[in-house]
N, C-alpha and C. Protein backbone atom coordinates (compact mmCIF):
# COMPACT_ATOMS: atom_id res chain seq x y z
N MET A 1 33.11 -41.93 7.04
CA MET A 1 32.62 -40.64 7.41
C MET A 1 31.56 -40.37 8.03
N SER A 2 31.86 -39.92 9.27
CA SER A 2 30.48 -39.86 9.96
C SER A 2 29.41 -38.60 10.33
N PHE A 3 28.28 -38.48 10.30
CA PHE A 3 28.35 -36.34 10.30
C PHE A 3 27.09 -36.81 11.13
N THR A 4 27.18 -35.91 12.24
CA THR A 4 26.93 -35.41 13.57
C THR A 4 25.84 -34.48 13.39
N SER A 5 24.72 -34.63 14.06
CA SER A 5 23.47 -33.06 14.25
C SER A 5 23.20 -32.95 14.88
N ASN A 6 22.90 -30.99 14.36
CA ASN A 6 23.09 -30.96 16.13
C ASN A 6 21.34 -30.11 16.20
N SER A 7 21.32 -30.33 17.34
CA SER A 7 19.60 -30.44 18.04
C SER A 7 19.25 -29.35 18.24
N ILE A 8 18.29 -28.93 18.26
CA ILE A 8 17.67 -27.56 18.36
C ILE A 8 16.23 -27.55 18.96
N THR A 9 16.65 -27.08 20.40
CA THR A 9 15.30 -26.98 21.44
C THR A 9 14.52 -25.70 21.31
N ILE A 10 13.53 -25.67 20.76
CA ILE A 10 12.43 -24.74 20.86
C ILE A 10 12.00 -25.23 21.57
N LYS A 11 11.39 -23.53 22.77
CA LYS A 11 10.95 -23.84 23.90
C LYS A 11 9.65 -23.56 23.17
N ASN A 12 8.71 -23.94 24.02
CA ASN A 12 6.95 -23.75 23.15
C ASN A 12 6.45 -22.46 24.64
N TYR A 13 6.41 -22.06 23.29
CA TYR A 13 5.56 -20.37 23.93
C TYR A 13 4.29 -20.15 23.26
N THR A 14 3.47 -19.37 24.37
CA THR A 14 2.08 -19.92 23.45
C THR A 14 2.22 -18.14 22.92
N ASN A 15 1.57 -18.41 21.91
CA ASN A 15 1.21 -16.49 20.80
C ASN A 15 0.41 -16.36 21.47
N TYR A 16 0.47 -15.49 21.90
CA TYR A 16 -0.32 -14.05 21.94
C TYR A 16 -0.92 -12.88 21.00
N MET A 17 -2.72 -13.08 21.12
CA MET A 17 -2.58 -11.93 19.14
C MET A 17 -2.50 -10.18 20.04
N ALA A 18 -2.26 -9.18 19.09
CA ALA A 18 -2.05 -8.12 19.54
C ALA A 18 -3.52 -7.36 19.71
N VAL A 19 -3.54 -6.85 20.88
CA VAL A 19 -4.61 -6.78 21.47
C VAL A 19 -4.15 -4.89 21.85
N PRO A 20 -5.78 -4.13 21.55
CA PRO A 20 -5.25 -2.73 21.65
C PRO A 20 -5.18 -1.94 23.45
N LYS A 21 -4.97 -1.74 23.95
CA LYS A 21 -5.13 -0.86 25.14
C LYS A 21 -5.73 -0.65 25.59
N LYS A 22 -6.58 0.31 24.39
CA LYS A 22 -7.72 1.60 25.11
C LYS A 22 -8.45 1.41 23.76
N ARG A 23 -9.96 2.30 23.85
CA ARG A 23 -10.41 2.32 22.95
C ARG A 23 -10.20 3.85 21.73
N THR A 24 -10.20 3.65 20.29
CA THR A 24 -9.70 4.77 19.55
C THR A 24 -10.69 5.39 20.02
N SER A 25 -10.77 6.81 20.16
CA SER A 25 -11.39 7.94 19.97
C SER A 25 -12.15 8.09 18.57
N ILE A 26 -13.41 8.82 18.45
CA ILE A 26 -14.12 8.82 17.62
C ILE A 26 -13.08 10.03 16.72
N SER A 27 -12.85 11.03 17.33
CA SER A 27 -11.85 12.46 16.47
C SER A 27 -10.20 11.55 15.93
N LYS A 28 -9.92 10.45 16.34
CA LYS A 28 -8.76 9.90 15.71
C LYS A 28 -9.35 8.98 14.35
N LYS A 29 -10.17 8.95 14.89
CA LYS A 29 -10.64 7.52 13.78
C LYS A 29 -11.30 8.18 12.39
N ASN A 30 -12.16 8.89 13.07
CA ASN A 30 -12.84 10.08 11.86
C ASN A 30 -11.33 10.95 10.65
N ILE A 31 -10.03 10.93 11.48
CA ILE A 31 -9.24 11.41 10.75
C ILE A 31 -7.85 10.44 10.65
N ARG A 32 -7.86 9.38 11.05
CA ARG A 32 -7.65 8.51 9.84
C ARG A 32 -8.67 8.24 8.53
N ASN A 33 -9.94 8.12 9.04
CA ASN A 33 -10.43 8.23 7.64
C ASN A 33 -10.60 8.92 6.60
N THR A 34 -10.06 10.30 7.10
CA THR A 34 -10.23 10.46 5.95
C THR A 34 -8.73 10.70 5.23
N LEU A 35 -7.82 11.45 5.46
CA LEU A 35 -6.98 11.34 5.36
C LEU A 35 -6.35 9.78 4.88
N TRP A 36 -7.20 8.49 5.13
CA TRP A 36 -7.18 7.05 3.82
C TRP A 36 -7.99 7.47 2.52
N LYS A 37 -9.75 8.78 2.77
CA LYS A 37 -10.14 9.11 1.81
C LYS A 37 -9.28 9.67 0.62
N LYS A 38 -9.03 10.94 1.16
CA LYS A 38 -7.09 12.17 0.64
C LYS A 38 -6.88 11.20 -0.17
N LYS A 39 -5.75 10.14 0.08
CA LYS A 39 -4.82 9.45 -0.46
C LYS A 39 -5.94 8.86 -2.07
N GLY A 40 -6.76 8.34 -1.95
CA GLY A 40 -6.92 7.73 -2.67
C GLY A 40 -7.34 9.07 -3.94
N TYR A 41 -8.06 10.30 -3.12
CA TYR A 41 -8.47 11.20 -3.62
C TYR A 41 -7.34 12.06 -4.72
N PHE A 42 -6.33 11.67 -4.60
CA PHE A 42 -5.14 12.63 -5.15
C PHE A 42 -4.68 11.52 -6.33
N THR A 43 -4.82 10.44 -6.11
CA THR A 43 -4.34 9.20 -7.17
C THR A 43 -4.78 9.32 -7.92
N THR A 44 -6.63 9.03 -8.00
CA THR A 44 -7.94 9.76 -8.90
C THR A 44 -6.97 10.29 -9.88
N LEU A 45 -6.49 11.72 -9.42
CA LEU A 45 -6.54 12.75 -9.61
C LEU A 45 -5.20 12.59 -10.33
N LYS A 46 -4.26 11.73 -10.35
CA LYS A 46 -2.65 11.68 -11.24
C LYS A 46 -3.36 11.42 -11.97
N ALA A 47 -4.36 9.84 -12.33
CA ALA A 47 -4.35 8.86 -13.14
C ALA A 47 -5.21 9.56 -14.33
N PHE A 48 -5.88 10.72 -13.82
CA PHE A 48 -6.76 11.24 -14.37
C PHE A 48 -6.46 12.51 -15.74
N SER A 49 -5.20 13.02 -14.93
CA SER A 49 -4.44 13.98 -15.52
C SER A 49 -3.34 13.34 -16.56
N LEU A 50 -2.96 11.66 -16.12
CA LEU A 50 -1.87 11.32 -17.48
C LEU A 50 -2.65 11.10 -18.44
N ALA A 51 -3.84 10.83 -18.21
CA ALA A 51 -5.27 9.76 -19.84
C ALA A 51 -5.42 11.18 -20.11
N GLN A 52 -5.65 11.96 -19.43
CA GLN A 52 -5.63 13.76 -20.46
C GLN A 52 -4.23 13.63 -21.35
N SER A 53 -3.45 13.93 -20.48
CA SER A 53 -1.89 13.94 -21.42
C SER A 53 -1.88 12.87 -22.83
N ILE A 54 -1.84 12.02 -22.61
CA ILE A 54 -1.94 11.11 -22.80
C ILE A 54 -3.15 11.15 -24.12
N PHE A 55 -4.30 11.60 -23.88
CA PHE A 55 -4.71 11.51 -24.87
C PHE A 55 -4.54 12.72 -25.93
N THR A 56 -4.42 13.87 -25.21
CA THR A 56 -3.87 14.96 -26.18
C THR A 56 -2.73 14.92 -26.84
N GLY A 57 -1.80 13.73 -26.33
CA GLY A 57 -0.74 13.99 -27.29
C GLY A 57 0.37 15.04 -26.52
N ASN A 58 0.09 15.46 -25.65
CA ASN A 58 1.11 16.18 -24.79
C ASN A 58 2.13 15.43 -23.62
N SER A 59 1.92 14.59 -23.20
CA SER A 59 2.54 13.61 -22.30
C SER A 59 3.84 13.50 -22.85
N LYS A 60 5.28 14.20 -21.59
CA LYS A 60 6.05 13.28 -22.13
C LYS A 60 6.77 12.76 -20.71
N SER A 61 6.44 12.08 -19.82
CA SER A 61 6.76 11.08 -18.86
C SER A 61 6.40 9.40 -19.37
N PHE A 62 5.28 9.42 -21.08
CA PHE A 62 4.49 8.39 -20.78
C PHE A 62 5.05 8.08 -22.32
N PHE A 63 5.29 7.01 -22.97
CA PHE A 63 5.26 7.30 -24.32
C PHE A 63 4.28 6.24 -25.06
N CYS A 64 3.04 6.56 -25.85
CA CYS A 64 1.98 5.09 -26.61
C CYS A 64 2.57 5.51 -27.71
N LYS A 65 1.41 4.87 -28.74
CA LYS A 65 2.04 4.80 -30.41
C LYS A 65 0.84 5.60 -30.33
N LYS A 66 0.75 6.41 -31.71
CA LYS A 66 0.42 7.79 -31.45
C LYS A 66 -0.48 6.81 -33.07
N TYR A 67 -1.80 7.19 -33.15
CA TYR A 67 -2.51 6.42 -34.49
C TYR A 67 -3.02 7.92 -35.26
N LYS A 68 -2.98 8.16 -36.57
CA LYS A 68 -3.41 8.66 -37.40
C LYS A 68 -5.04 8.20 -37.34
N ARG A 69 -5.73 10.21 -36.91
CA ARG A 69 -6.83 9.73 -37.54
C ARG A 69 -7.15 10.60 -38.80
């Protein structure tokens, strides 16, 4: 039984890094920054409201063990 191997030739390509064509303006930079900060703010609000509903026992979407006080 004889096996033949298929040879694959890979051309040598030089890898170039991605470089921005133009400088990003300050207003675009500020817009992206505020959107990024707002995303974090809304996730903290969601987490805090979930924690409040679990603490008061009114949570309907999250199950946790209730302890008697």
